[in-house]
Amino acid sequence: MSHKPLVPDSLSIRQVLAHTEPLQRLQQRVKASNERFNAVRGCLPAALLPHIKAGPLDEDQWTLLVSNQAVAAKLHHLQPHIEAALQGQGWRPCILRIKVQPNRP
Protein backbone atom coordinates (compact mmCIF):
# COMPACT_ATOMS: atom_id res chain seq x y z
CA MET A 1 0.00 0.00 0.00
CA SER A 2 1.51 3.32 -1.10
CA HIS A 3 1.01 6.48 0.95
CA LYS A 4 0.46 9.70 -0.96
CA PRO A 5 1.58 12.96 0.62
CA LEU A 6 -1.16 15.04 2.19
CA VAL A 7 0.12 18.08 0.32
CA PRO A 8 0.77 17.58 -3.39
CA ASP A 9 4.37 18.22 -4.44
CA SER A 10 5.47 18.51 -0.81
CA LEU A 11 9.15 18.16 0.05
CA SER A 12 10.61 15.79 2.59
CA ILE A 13 12.47 17.26 5.56
CA ARG A 14 15.71 15.95 4.07
CA GLN A 15 15.02 17.82 0.82
CA VAL A 16 14.22 21.03 2.69
CA LEU A 17 17.41 20.73 4.75
CA ALA A 18 19.47 20.13 1.62
CA HIS A 19 18.14 23.23 -0.14
CA THR A 20 17.81 25.80 2.64
CA GLU A 21 21.05 27.52 3.58
CA PRO A 22 20.07 28.64 7.13
CA LEU A 23 18.89 25.11 7.94
CA GLN A 24 22.10 23.67 6.49
CA ARG A 25 24.15 25.92 8.76
CA LEU A 26 22.03 24.87 11.75
CA GLN A 27 22.48 21.22 10.86
CA GLN A 28 26.26 21.74 10.58
CA ARG A 29 26.38 23.41 14.01
CA VAL A 30 24.40 20.56 15.59
CA LYS A 31 26.77 18.05 14.01
CA ALA A 32 29.85 19.99 15.19
CA SER A 33 28.42 20.23 18.72
CA ASN A 34 27.87 16.46 18.82
CA GLU A 35 31.38 15.88 17.47
CA ARG A 36 32.83 18.07 20.23
CA PHE A 37 30.85 16.14 22.82
CA ASN A 38 32.19 12.85 21.45
CA ALA A 39 35.71 14.31 21.60
CA VAL A 40 35.43 15.05 25.35
CA ARG A 41 33.51 11.94 26.46
CA GLY A 42 36.74 10.28 27.57
CA CYS A 43 37.50 12.97 30.15
CA LEU A 44 34.02 12.89 31.68
CA PRO A 45 33.12 10.51 34.52
CA ALA A 46 30.90 7.70 33.20
CA ALA A 47 28.37 8.31 35.98
CA LEU A 48 27.80 11.86 34.69
CA LEU A 49 27.37 11.05 31.00
CA PRO A 50 23.61 10.34 31.18
CA HIS A 51 23.17 13.82 32.69
CA ILE A 52 25.08 15.77 30.03
CA LYS A 53 24.05 16.68 26.49
CA ALA A 54 25.72 18.65 23.74
CA GLY A 55 24.10 22.04 23.45
CA PRO A 56 24.24 25.06 21.17
CA LEU A 57 27.43 25.95 19.35
CA ASP A 58 28.27 29.23 17.70
CA GLU A 59 31.50 30.86 16.62
CA ASP A 60 32.55 31.96 20.11
CA GLN A 61 31.03 29.47 22.53
CA TRP A 62 29.82 25.93 23.06
CA THR A 63 27.28 24.91 25.68
CA LEU A 64 26.95 21.68 27.59
CA LEU A 65 23.45 21.09 28.94
CA VAL A 66 23.29 19.34 32.30
CA SER A 67 20.39 17.95 34.32
CA ASN A 68 21.19 19.51 37.69
CA GLN A 69 23.42 21.87 39.65
CA ALA A 70 25.60 19.08 41.08
CA VAL A 71 26.59 17.94 37.59
CA ALA A 72 27.22 21.57 36.61
CA ALA A 73 29.53 22.01 39.62
CA LYS A 74 31.52 18.90 38.73
CA LEU A 75 31.85 20.03 35.09
CA HIS A 76 33.11 23.43 36.22
CA HIS A 77 35.92 21.58 38.03
CA LEU A 78 36.62 19.54 34.89
CA GLN A 79 36.43 22.52 32.54
CA PRO A 80 40.22 22.88 32.08
CA HIS A 81 40.45 19.18 31.14
CA ILE A 82 37.51 19.47 28.74
CA GLU A 83 39.03 22.51 27.04
CA ALA A 84 42.45 20.80 26.83
CA ALA A 85 40.85 17.69 25.29
CA LEU A 86 39.15 19.82 22.65
CA GLN A 87 42.33 21.69 21.77
CA GLY A 88 44.31 18.44 21.79
CA GLN A 89 41.99 17.12 19.10
CA GLY A 90 42.33 20.23 16.96
CA TRP A 91 39.19 22.15 17.92
CA ARG A 92 39.50 25.92 17.90
CA PRO A 93 39.38 27.38 21.44
CA CYS A 94 36.03 28.83 22.45
CA ILE A 95 34.14 29.70 25.61
CA LEU A 96 32.65 26.61 27.26
CA ARG A 97 29.31 27.29 28.92
CA ILE A 98 27.57 24.87 31.27
CA LYS A 99 23.83 25.35 31.56
CA VAL A 100 21.45 23.54 33.88
CA GLN A 101 18.42 22.34 31.99
CA PRO A 102 16.38 20.04 34.25
CA ASN A 103 14.33 17.26 32.68
CA ARG A 104 10.78 18.30 32.14
CA PRO A 105 7.86 15.95 32.74
PDB file of N, CA and C in Angstrom:
ATOM      1  N   MET A   1       0.835  -1.166   0.000  1.00  0.00           N
ATOM      2  CA  MET A   1       0.000   0.000   0.000  1.00  0.00           C
ATOM      3  C   MET A   1       0.893   1.247   0.000  1.00  0.00           C
ATOM      4  N   SER A   2       0.714   2.106  -0.945  1.00  0.00           N
ATOM      5  CA  SER A   2       1.509   3.316  -1.096  1.00  0.00           C
ATOM      6  C   SER A   2       0.794   4.490  -0.440  1.00  0.00           C
ATOM      7  N   HIS A   3       1.576   5.302   0.311  1.00  0.00           N
ATOM      8  CA  HIS A   3       1.006   6.484   0.946  1.00  0.00           C
ATOM      9  C   HIS A   3       1.305   7.700   0.092  1.00  0.00           C
ATOM     10  N   LYS A   4       0.279   8.459  -0.202  1.00  0.00           N
ATOM     11  CA  LYS A   4       0.462   9.696  -0.956  1.00  0.00           C
ATOM     12  C   LYS A   4       0.609  10.842   0.037  1.00  0.00           C
ATOM     13  N   PRO A   5       1.438  11.818  -0.286  1.00  0.00           N
ATOM     14  CA  PRO A   5       1.584  12.958   0.620  1.00  0.00           C
ATOM     15  C   PRO A   5       0.260  13.709   0.751  1.00  0.00           C
ATOM     16  N   LEU A   6       0.049  14.269   1.946  1.00  0.00           N
ATOM     17  CA  LEU A   6      -1.164  15.043   2.188  1.00  0.00           C
ATOM     18  C   LEU A   6      -1.187  16.326   1.373  1.00  0.00           C
ATOM     19  N   VAL A   7       0.000  16.853   1.111  1.00  0.00           N
ATOM     20  CA  VAL A   7       0.119  18.078   0.323  1.00  0.00           C
ATOM     21  C   VAL A   7       0.809  17.703  -0.989  1.00  0.00           C
ATOM     22  N   PRO A   8       0.147  17.924  -2.105  1.00  0.00           N
ATOM     23  CA  PRO A   8       0.774  17.575  -3.388  1.00  0.00           C
ATOM     24  C   PRO A   8       2.098  18.314  -3.572  1.00  0.00           C
ATOM     25  N   ASP A   9       3.055  17.648  -4.159  1.00  0.00           N
ATOM     26  CA  ASP A   9       4.371  18.216  -4.438  1.00  0.00           C
ATOM     27  C   ASP A   9       5.097  18.713  -3.183  1.00  0.00           C
ATOM     28  N   SER A  10       4.786  18.105  -2.039  1.00  0.00           N
ATOM     29  CA  SER A  10       5.472  18.509  -0.814  1.00  0.00           C
ATOM     30  C   SER A  10       6.883  17.924  -0.798  1.00  0.00           C
ATOM     31  N   LEU A  11       7.761  18.593  -0.059  1.00  0.00           N
ATOM     32  CA  LEU A  11       9.149  18.164   0.046  1.00  0.00           C
ATOM     33  C   LEU A  11       9.363  17.424   1.363  1.00  0.00           C
ATOM     34  N   SER A  12      10.253  16.468   1.343  1.00  0.00           N
ATOM     35  CA  SER A  12      10.610  15.794   2.586  1.00  0.00           C
ATOM     36  C   SER A  12      11.488  16.733   3.415  1.00  0.00           C
ATOM     37  N   ILE A  13      11.614  16.440   4.688  1.00  0.00           N
ATOM     38  CA  ILE A  13      12.471  17.256   5.556  1.00  0.00           C
ATOM     39  C   ILE A  13      13.903  17.219   5.046  1.00  0.00           C
ATOM     40  N   ARG A  14      14.349  16.083   4.606  1.00  0.00           N
ATOM     41  CA  ARG A  14      15.712  15.946   4.069  1.00  0.00           C
ATOM     42  C   ARG A  14      15.912  16.872   2.871  1.00  0.00           C
ATOM     43  N   GLN A  15      14.910  16.945   1.983  1.00  0.00           N
ATOM     44  CA  GLN A  15      15.024  17.820   0.817  1.00  0.00           C
ATOM     45  C   GLN A  15      15.052  19.288   1.236  1.00  0.00           C
ATOM     46  N   VAL A  16      14.239  19.643   2.206  1.00  0.00           N
ATOM     47  CA  VAL A  16      14.218  21.030   2.689  1.00  0.00           C
ATOM     48  C   VAL A  16      15.567  21.390   3.291  1.00  0.00           C
ATOM     49  N   LEU A  17      16.112  20.479   4.135  1.00  0.00           N
ATOM     50  CA  LEU A  17      17.414  20.735   4.748  1.00  0.00           C
ATOM     51  C   LEU A  17      18.508  20.893   3.704  1.00  0.00           C
ATOM     52  N   ALA A  18      18.439  20.105   2.654  1.00  0.00           N
ATOM     53  CA  ALA A  18      19.467  20.134   1.624  1.00  0.00           C
ATOM     54  C   ALA A  18      19.418  21.399   0.778  1.00  0.00           C
ATOM     55  N   HIS A  19      18.286  22.084   0.751  1.00  0.00           N
ATOM     56  CA  HIS A  19      18.137  23.232  -0.140  1.00  0.00           C
ATOM     57  C   HIS A  19      17.905  24.560   0.576  1.00  0.00           C
ATOM     58  N   THR A  20      18.033  24.574   1.887  1.00  0.00           N
ATOM     59  CA  THR A  20      17.813  25.801   2.642  1.00  0.00           C
ATOM     60  C   THR A  20      19.080  26.135   3.414  1.00  0.00           C
ATOM     61  N   GLU A  21      19.750  27.191   3.007  1.00  0.00           N
ATOM     62  CA  GLU A  21      21.051  27.525   3.582  1.00  0.00           C
ATOM     63  C   GLU A  21      21.027  27.730   5.097  1.00  0.00           C
ATOM     64  N   PRO A  22      20.078  28.488   5.665  1.00  0.00           N
ATOM     65  CA  PRO A  22      20.074  28.638   7.126  1.00  0.00           C
ATOM     66  C   PRO A  22      19.892  27.297   7.850  1.00  0.00           C
ATOM     67  N   LEU A  23      19.074  26.420   7.311  1.00  0.00           N
ATOM     68  CA  LEU A  23      18.890  25.113   7.939  1.00  0.00           C
ATOM     69  C   LEU A  23      20.125  24.249   7.772  1.00  0.00           C
ATOM     70  N   GLN A  24      20.837  24.397   6.675  1.00  0.00           N
ATOM     71  CA  GLN A  24      22.096  23.669   6.486  1.00  0.00           C
ATOM     72  C   GLN A  24      23.120  24.098   7.525  1.00  0.00           C
ATOM     73  N   ARG A  25      23.212  25.407   7.756  1.00  0.00           N
ATOM     74  CA  ARG A  25      24.152  25.917   8.762  1.00  0.00           C
ATOM     75  C   ARG A  25      23.779  25.411  10.152  1.00  0.00           C
ATOM     76  N   LEU A  26      22.487  25.395  10.462  1.00  0.00           N
ATOM     77  CA  LEU A  26      22.029  24.872  11.750  1.00  0.00           C
ATOM     78  C   LEU A  26      22.394  23.399  11.888  1.00  0.00           C
ATOM     79  N   GLN A  27      22.159  22.645  10.849  1.00  0.00           N
ATOM     80  CA  GLN A  27      22.480  21.219  10.857  1.00  0.00           C
ATOM     81  C   GLN A  27      23.991  21.012  11.049  1.00  0.00           C
ATOM     82  N   GLN A  28      24.806  21.836  10.425  1.00  0.00           N
ATOM     83  CA  GLN A  28      26.261  21.738  10.578  1.00  0.00           C
ATOM     84  C   GLN A  28      26.680  22.062  12.013  1.00  0.00           C
ATOM     85  N   ARG A  29      26.051  23.072  12.626  1.00  0.00           N
ATOM     86  CA  ARG A  29      26.383  23.415  14.015  1.00  0.00           C
ATOM     87  C   ARG A  29      25.983  22.304  14.970  1.00  0.00           C
ATOM     88  N   VAL A  30      24.836  21.684  14.747  1.00  0.00           N
ATOM     89  CA  VAL A  30      24.400  20.563  15.590  1.00  0.00           C
ATOM     90  C   VAL A  30      25.400  19.414  15.464  1.00  0.00           C
ATOM     91  N   LYS A  31      25.806  19.122  14.244  1.00  0.00           N
ATOM     92  CA  LYS A  31      26.771  18.049  14.012  1.00  0.00           C
ATOM     93  C   LYS A  31      28.096  18.365  14.705  1.00  0.00           C
ATOM     94  N   ALA A  32      28.585  19.593  14.566  1.00  0.00           N
ATOM     95  CA  ALA A  32      29.850  19.987  15.190  1.00  0.00           C
ATOM     96  C   ALA A  32      29.751  19.926  16.717  1.00  0.00           C
ATOM     97  N   SER A  33      28.616  20.305  17.273  1.00  0.00           N
ATOM     98  CA  SER A  33      28.421  20.226  18.717  1.00  0.00           C
ATOM     99  C   SER A  33      28.487  18.775  19.185  1.00  0.00           C
ATOM    100  N   ASN A  34      27.835  17.886  18.471  1.00  0.00           N
ATOM    101  CA  ASN A  34      27.871  16.465  18.822  1.00  0.00           C
ATOM    102  C   ASN A  34      29.273  15.891  18.664  1.00  0.00           C
ATOM    103  N   GLU A  35      30.008  16.339  17.658  1.00  0.00           N
ATOM    104  CA  GLU A  35      31.382  15.875  17.472  1.00  0.00           C
ATOM    105  C   GLU A  35      32.276  16.341  18.622  1.00  0.00           C
ATOM    106  N   ARG A  36      32.078  17.564  19.065  1.00  0.00           N
ATOM    107  CA  ARG A  36      32.833  18.068  20.227  1.00  0.00           C
ATOM    108  C   ARG A  36      32.520  17.223  21.460  1.00  0.00           C
ATOM    109  N   PHE A  37      31.238  16.939  21.655  1.00  0.00           N
ATOM    110  CA  PHE A  37      30.853  16.139  22.819  1.00  0.00           C
ATOM    111  C   PHE A  37      31.522  14.764  22.767  1.00  0.00           C
ATOM    112  N   ASN A  38      31.522  14.154  21.598  1.00  0.00           N
ATOM    113  CA  ASN A  38      32.189  12.855  21.454  1.00  0.00           C
ATOM    114  C   ASN A  38      33.687  12.962  21.727  1.00  0.00           C
ATOM    115  N   ALA A  39      34.277  14.108  21.385  1.00  0.00           N
ATOM    116  CA  ALA A  39      35.710  14.314  21.598  1.00  0.00           C
ATOM    117  C   ALA A  39      36.054  14.417  23.082  1.00  0.00           C
ATOM    118  N   VAL A  40      35.129  14.871  23.920  1.00  0.00           N
ATOM    119  CA  VAL A  40      35.431  15.054  25.351  1.00  0.00           C
ATOM    120  C   VAL A  40      34.849  13.944  26.234  1.00  0.00           C
ATOM    121  N   ARG A  41      34.096  13.034  25.667  1.00  0.00           N
ATOM    122  CA  ARG A  41      33.511  11.944  26.458  1.00  0.00           C
ATOM    123  C   ARG A  41      34.521  11.247  27.356  1.00  0.00           C
ATOM    124  N   GLY A  42      35.712  11.018  26.832  1.00  0.00           N
ATOM    125  CA  GLY A  42      36.737  10.285  27.565  1.00  0.00           C
ATOM    126  C   GLY A  42      37.211  10.967  28.838  1.00  0.00           C
ATOM    127  N   CYS A  43      37.058  12.287  28.934  1.00  0.00           N
ATOM    128  CA  CYS A  43      37.504  12.974  30.149  1.00  0.00           C
ATOM    129  C   CYS A  43      36.347  13.268  31.100  1.00  0.00           C
ATOM    130  N   LEU A  44      35.176  12.718  30.805  1.00  0.00           N
ATOM    131  CA  LEU A  44      34.019  12.892  31.679  1.00  0.00           C
ATOM    132  C   LEU A  44      33.763  11.600  32.456  1.00  0.00           C
ATOM    133  N   PRO A  45      33.446  11.708  33.751  1.00  0.00           N
ATOM    134  CA  PRO A  45      33.124  10.509  34.519  1.00  0.00           C
ATOM    135  C   PRO A  45      31.898   9.804  33.927  1.00  0.00           C
ATOM    136  N   ALA A  46      31.984   8.489  33.814  1.00  0.00           N
ATOM    137  CA  ALA A  46      30.898   7.702  33.205  1.00  0.00           C
ATOM    138  C   ALA A  46      29.569   7.924  33.915  1.00  0.00           C
ATOM    139  N   ALA A  47      29.608   8.123  35.218  1.00  0.00           N
ATOM    140  CA  ALA A  47      28.369   8.314  35.977  1.00  0.00           C
ATOM    141  C   ALA A  47      27.654   9.617  35.599  1.00  0.00           C
ATOM    142  N   LEU A  48      28.399  10.575  35.066  1.00  0.00           N
ATOM    143  CA  LEU A  48      27.796  11.863  34.693  1.00  0.00           C
ATOM    144  C   LEU A  48      27.240  11.877  33.277  1.00  0.00           C
ATOM    145  N   LEU A  49      27.739  11.000  32.413  1.00  0.00           N
ATOM    146  CA  LEU A  49      27.369  11.046  30.996  1.00  0.00           C
ATOM    147  C   LEU A  49      25.863  11.065  30.732  1.00  0.00           C
ATOM    148  N   PRO A  50      25.050  10.274  31.461  1.00  0.00           N
ATOM    149  CA  PRO A  50      23.610  10.337  31.183  1.00  0.00           C
ATOM    150  C   PRO A  50      22.971  11.691  31.521  1.00  0.00           C
ATOM    151  N   HIS A  51      23.700  12.530  32.246  1.00  0.00           N
ATOM    152  CA  HIS A  51      23.168  13.815  32.694  1.00  0.00           C
ATOM    153  C   HIS A  51      23.704  15.001  31.902  1.00  0.00           C
ATOM    154  N   ILE A  52      24.454  14.712  30.835  1.00  0.00           N
ATOM    155  CA  ILE A  52      25.079  15.772  30.031  1.00  0.00           C
ATOM    156  C   ILE A  52      24.694  15.590  28.573  1.00  0.00           C
ATOM    157  N   LYS A  53      24.359  16.710  27.921  1.00  0.00           N
ATOM    158  CA  LYS A  53      24.053  16.685  26.486  1.00  0.00           C
ATOM    159  C   LYS A  53      24.807  17.816  25.796  1.00  0.00           C
ATOM    160  N   ALA A  54      25.131  17.585  24.546  1.00  0.00           N
ATOM    161  CA  ALA A  54      25.717  18.648  23.741  1.00  0.00           C
ATOM    162  C   ALA A  54      24.653  19.707  23.501  1.00  0.00           C
ATOM    163  N   GLY A  55      25.043  20.948  23.641  1.00  0.00           N
ATOM    164  CA  GLY A  55      24.100  22.042  23.447  1.00  0.00           C
ATOM    165  C   GLY A  55      24.505  22.924  22.287  1.00  0.00           C
ATOM    166  N   PRO A  56      23.984  24.140  22.284  1.00  0.00           N
ATOM    167  CA  PRO A  56      24.239  25.064  21.170  1.00  0.00           C
ATOM    168  C   PRO A  56      25.723  25.371  20.985  1.00  0.00           C
ATOM    169  N   LEU A  57      26.067  25.588  19.735  1.00  0.00           N
ATOM    170  CA  LEU A  57      27.429  25.949  19.353  1.00  0.00           C
ATOM    171  C   LEU A  57      27.342  27.129  18.403  1.00  0.00           C
ATOM    172  N   ASP A  58      28.150  28.148  18.679  1.00  0.00           N
ATOM    173  CA  ASP A  58      28.273  29.227  17.704  1.00  0.00           C
ATOM    174  C   ASP A  58      29.757  29.516  17.543  1.00  0.00           C
ATOM    175  N   GLU A  59      30.102  30.595  16.932  1.00  0.00           N
ATOM    176  CA  GLU A  59      31.503  30.857  16.616  1.00  0.00           C
ATOM    177  C   GLU A  59      32.369  31.082  17.846  1.00  0.00           C
ATOM    178  N   ASP A  60      31.767  31.588  18.935  1.00  0.00           N
ATOM    179  CA  ASP A  60      32.551  31.955  20.113  1.00  0.00           C
ATOM    180  C   ASP A  60      32.360  31.049  21.317  1.00  0.00           C
ATOM    181  N   GLN A  61      31.281  30.277  21.351  1.00  0.00           N
ATOM    182  CA  GLN A  61      31.031  29.474  22.535  1.00  0.00           C
ATOM    183  C   GLN A  61      30.291  28.178  22.227  1.00  0.00           C
ATOM    184  N   TRP A  62      30.481  27.224  23.132  1.00  0.00           N
ATOM    185  CA  TRP A  62      29.818  25.930  23.063  1.00  0.00           C
ATOM    186  C   TRP A  62      29.201  25.669  24.425  1.00  0.00           C
ATOM    187  N   THR A  63      28.001  25.143  24.441  1.00  0.00           N
ATOM    188  CA  THR A  63      27.284  24.910  25.679  1.00  0.00           C
ATOM    189  C   THR A  63      27.070  23.423  25.913  1.00  0.00           C
ATOM    190  N   LEU A  64      27.323  23.004  27.144  1.00  0.00           N
ATOM    191  CA  LEU A  64      26.949  21.676  27.588  1.00  0.00           C
ATOM    192  C   LEU A  64      25.707  21.832  28.461  1.00  0.00           C
ATOM    193  N   LEU A  65      24.691  21.055  28.178  1.00  0.00           N
ATOM    194  CA  LEU A  65      23.452  21.090  28.943  1.00  0.00           C
ATOM    195  C   LEU A  65      23.503  19.979  29.974  1.00  0.00           C
ATOM    196  N   VAL A  66      23.231  20.321  31.223  1.00  0.00           N
ATOM    197  CA  VAL A  66      23.293  19.335  32.304  1.00  0.00           C
ATOM    198  C   VAL A  66      21.960  19.297  33.038  1.00  0.00           C
ATOM    199  N   SER A  67      21.706  18.172  33.709  1.00  0.00           N
ATOM    200  CA  SER A  67      20.395  17.953  34.321  1.00  0.00           C
ATOM    201  C   SER A  67      20.228  18.588  35.689  1.00  0.00           C
ATOM    202  N   ASN A  68      21.338  18.913  36.369  1.00  0.00           N
ATOM    203  CA  ASN A  68      21.185  19.513  37.695  1.00  0.00           C
ATOM    204  C   ASN A  68      22.441  20.284  38.093  1.00  0.00           C
ATOM    205  N   GLN A  69      22.339  21.003  39.197  1.00  0.00           N
ATOM    206  CA  GLN A  69      23.421  21.874  39.650  1.00  0.00           C
ATOM    207  C   GLN A  69      24.648  21.082  40.095  1.00  0.00           C
ATOM    208  N   ALA A  70      24.457  19.888  40.648  1.00  0.00           N
ATOM    209  CA  ALA A  70      25.599  19.076  41.083  1.00  0.00           C
ATOM    210  C   ALA A  70      26.472  18.679  39.886  1.00  0.00           C
ATOM    211  N   VAL A  71      25.843  18.297  38.804  1.00  0.00           N
ATOM    212  CA  VAL A  71      26.586  17.938  37.592  1.00  0.00           C
ATOM    213  C   VAL A  71      27.287  19.183  37.045  1.00  0.00           C
ATOM    214  N   ALA A  72      26.609  20.317  37.072  1.00  0.00           N
ATOM    215  CA  ALA A  72      27.225  21.568  36.606  1.00  0.00           C
ATOM    216  C   ALA A  72      28.465  21.890  37.431  1.00  0.00           C
ATOM    217  N   ALA A  73      28.388  21.719  38.752  1.00  0.00           N
ATOM    218  CA  ALA A  73      29.533  22.014  39.622  1.00  0.00           C
ATOM    219  C   ALA A  73      30.718  21.109  39.281  1.00  0.00           C
ATOM    220  N   LYS A  74      30.447  19.833  39.075  1.00  0.00           N
ATOM    221  CA  LYS A  74      31.521  18.896  38.731  1.00  0.00           C
ATOM    222  C   LYS A  74      32.149  19.276  37.390  1.00  0.00           C
ATOM    223  N   LEU A  75      31.315  19.642  36.407  1.00  0.00           N
ATOM    224  CA  LEU A  75      31.854  20.025  35.094  1.00  0.00           C
ATOM    225  C   LEU A  75      32.689  21.294  35.176  1.00  0.00           C
ATOM    226  N   HIS A  76      32.298  22.215  36.064  1.00  0.00           N
ATOM    227  CA  HIS A  76      33.109  23.427  36.216  1.00  0.00           C
ATOM    228  C   HIS A  76      34.508  23.059  36.704  1.00  0.00           C
ATOM    229  N   HIS A  77      34.608  22.044  37.569  1.00  0.00           N
ATOM    230  CA  HIS A  77      35.919  21.580  38.033  1.00  0.00           C
ATOM    231  C   HIS A  77      36.704  20.917  36.898  1.00  0.00           C
ATOM    232  N   LEU A  78      35.981  20.251  36.006  1.00  0.00           N
ATOM    233  CA  LEU A  78      36.624  19.543  34.893  1.00  0.00           C
ATOM    234  C   LEU A  78      36.844  20.421  33.661  1.00  0.00           C
ATOM    235  N   GLN A  79      36.388  21.646  33.711  1.00  0.00           N
ATOM    236  CA  GLN A  79      36.427  22.521  32.538  1.00  0.00           C
ATOM    237  C   GLN A  79      37.820  22.645  31.921  1.00  0.00           C
ATOM    238  N   PRO A  80      38.890  22.808  32.714  1.00  0.00           N
ATOM    239  CA  PRO A  80      40.219  22.884  32.080  1.00  0.00           C
ATOM    240  C   PRO A  80      40.573  21.607  31.308  1.00  0.00           C
ATOM    241  N   HIS A  81      40.167  20.445  31.824  1.00  0.00           N
ATOM    242  CA  HIS A  81      40.445  19.175  31.139  1.00  0.00           C
ATOM    243  C   HIS A  81      39.625  19.059  29.857  1.00  0.00           C
ATOM    244  N   ILE A  82      38.385  19.519  29.914  1.00  0.00           N
ATOM    245  CA  ILE A  82      37.514  19.474  28.738  1.00  0.00           C
ATOM    246  C   ILE A  82      38.088  20.361  27.635  1.00  0.00           C
ATOM    247  N   GLU A  83      38.478  21.581  28.017  1.00  0.00           N
ATOM    248  CA  GLU A  83      39.033  22.510  27.036  1.00  0.00           C
ATOM    249  C   GLU A  83      40.347  21.978  26.459  1.00  0.00           C
ATOM    250  N   ALA A  84      41.190  21.367  27.311  1.00  0.00           N
ATOM    251  CA  ALA A  84      42.453  20.802  26.829  1.00  0.00           C
ATOM    252  C   ALA A  84      42.189  19.636  25.871  1.00  0.00           C
ATOM    253  N   ALA A  85      41.184  18.816  26.174  1.00  0.00           N
ATOM    254  CA  ALA A  85      40.847  17.692  25.293  1.00  0.00           C
ATOM    255  C   ALA A  85      40.400  18.199  23.928  1.00  0.00           C
ATOM    256  N   LEU A  86      39.607  19.252  23.917  1.00  0.00           N
ATOM    257  CA  LEU A  86      39.148  19.823  22.649  1.00  0.00           C
ATOM    258  C   LEU A  86      40.327  20.352  21.836  1.00  0.00           C
ATOM    259  N   GLN A  87      41.182  21.119  22.480  1.00  0.00           N
ATOM    260  CA  GLN A  87      42.330  21.685  21.771  1.00  0.00           C
ATOM    261  C   GLN A  87      43.290  20.596  21.327  1.00  0.00           C
ATOM    262  N   GLY A  88      43.433  19.546  22.138  1.00  0.00           N
ATOM    263  CA  GLY A  88      44.310  18.440  21.789  1.00  0.00           C
ATOM    264  C   GLY A  88      43.833  17.680  20.563  1.00  0.00           C
ATOM    265  N   GLN A  89      42.538  17.787  20.283  1.00  0.00           N
ATOM    266  CA  GLN A  89      41.987  17.119  19.104  1.00  0.00           C
ATOM    267  C   GLN A  89      41.764  18.089  17.950  1.00  0.00           C
ATOM    268  N   GLY A  90      42.338  19.293  18.080  1.00  0.00           N
ATOM    269  CA  GLY A  90      42.326  20.232  16.964  1.00  0.00           C
ATOM    270  C   GLY A  90      41.151  21.204  16.909  1.00  0.00           C
ATOM    271  N   TRP A  91      40.303  21.208  17.930  1.00  0.00           N
ATOM    272  CA  TRP A  91      39.185  22.152  17.923  1.00  0.00           C
ATOM    273  C   TRP A  91      39.687  23.535  18.302  1.00  0.00           C
ATOM    274  N   ARG A  92      39.163  24.519  17.626  1.00  0.00           N
ATOM    275  CA  ARG A  92      39.501  25.919  17.896  1.00  0.00           C
ATOM    276  C   ARG A  92      39.001  26.291  19.299  1.00  0.00           C
ATOM    277  N   PRO A  93      39.823  26.986  20.100  1.00  0.00           N
ATOM    278  CA  PRO A  93      39.377  27.375  21.440  1.00  0.00           C
ATOM    279  C   PRO A  93      38.122  28.240  21.386  1.00  0.00           C
ATOM    280  N   CYS A  94      37.227  27.998  22.315  1.00  0.00           N
ATOM    281  CA  CYS A  94      36.034  28.833  22.449  1.00  0.00           C
ATOM    282  C   CYS A  94      35.592  28.794  23.910  1.00  0.00           C
ATOM    283  N   ILE A  95      34.668  29.639  24.249  1.00  0.00           N
ATOM    284  CA  ILE A  95      34.138  29.698  25.614  1.00  0.00           C
ATOM    285  C   ILE A  95      33.240  28.487  25.822  1.00  0.00           C
ATOM    286  N   LEU A  96      33.478  27.760  26.914  1.00  0.00           N
ATOM    287  CA  LEU A  96      32.646  26.615  27.260  1.00  0.00           C
ATOM    288  C   LEU A  96      31.643  27.053  28.320  1.00  0.00           C
ATOM    289  N   ARG A  97      30.378  26.955  27.981  1.00  0.00           N
ATOM    290  CA  ARG A  97      29.308  27.290  28.924  1.00  0.00           C
ATOM    291  C   ARG A  97      28.687  25.994  29.428  1.00  0.00           C
ATOM    292  N   ILE A  98      28.258  26.010  30.671  1.00  0.00           N
ATOM    293  CA  ILE A  98      27.568  24.872  31.267  1.00  0.00           C
ATOM    294  C   ILE A  98      26.236  25.400  31.771  1.00  0.00           C
ATOM    295  N   LYS A  99      25.163  24.838  31.243  1.00  0.00           N
ATOM    296  CA  LYS A  99      23.834  25.354  31.561  1.00  0.00           C
ATOM    297  C   LYS A  99      22.971  24.227  32.132  1.00  0.00           C
ATOM    298  N   VAL A 100      22.352  24.504  33.273  1.00  0.00           N
ATOM    299  CA  VAL A 100      21.450  23.536  33.884  1.00  0.00           C
ATOM    300  C   VAL A 100      20.115  23.600  33.151  1.00  0.00           C
ATOM    301  N   GLN A 101      19.696  22.442  32.684  1.00  0.00           N
ATOM    302  CA  GLN A 101      18.416  22.335  31.987  1.00  0.00           C
ATOM    303  C   GLN A 101      17.719  21.072  32.508  1.00  0.00           C
ATOM    304  N   PRO A 102      16.990  21.214  33.631  1.00  0.00           N
ATOM    305  CA  PRO A 102      16.376  20.038  34.246  1.00  0.00           C
ATOM    306  C   PRO A 102      15.408  19.334  33.283  1.00  0.00           C
ATOM    307  N   ASN A 103      15.291  18.039  33.492  1.00  0.00           N
ATOM    308  CA  ASN A 103      14.330  17.263  32.679  1.00  0.00           C
ATOM    309  C   ASN A 103      12.927  17.732  32.994  1.00  0.00           C
ATOM    310  N   ARG A 104      12.163  17.855  31.969  1.00  0.00           N
ATOM    311  CA  ARG A 104      10.777  18.301  32.144  1.00  0.00           C
ATOM    312  C   ARG A 104       9.854  17.103  32.008  1.00  0.00           C
ATOM    313  N   PRO A 105       8.789  17.083  32.818  1.00  0.00           N
ATOM    314  CA  PRO A 105       7.859  15.948  32.738  1.00  0.00           C
ATOM    315  C   PRO A 105       7.108  15.881  31.431  1.00  0.00           C
TER     316      PRO A 105
END
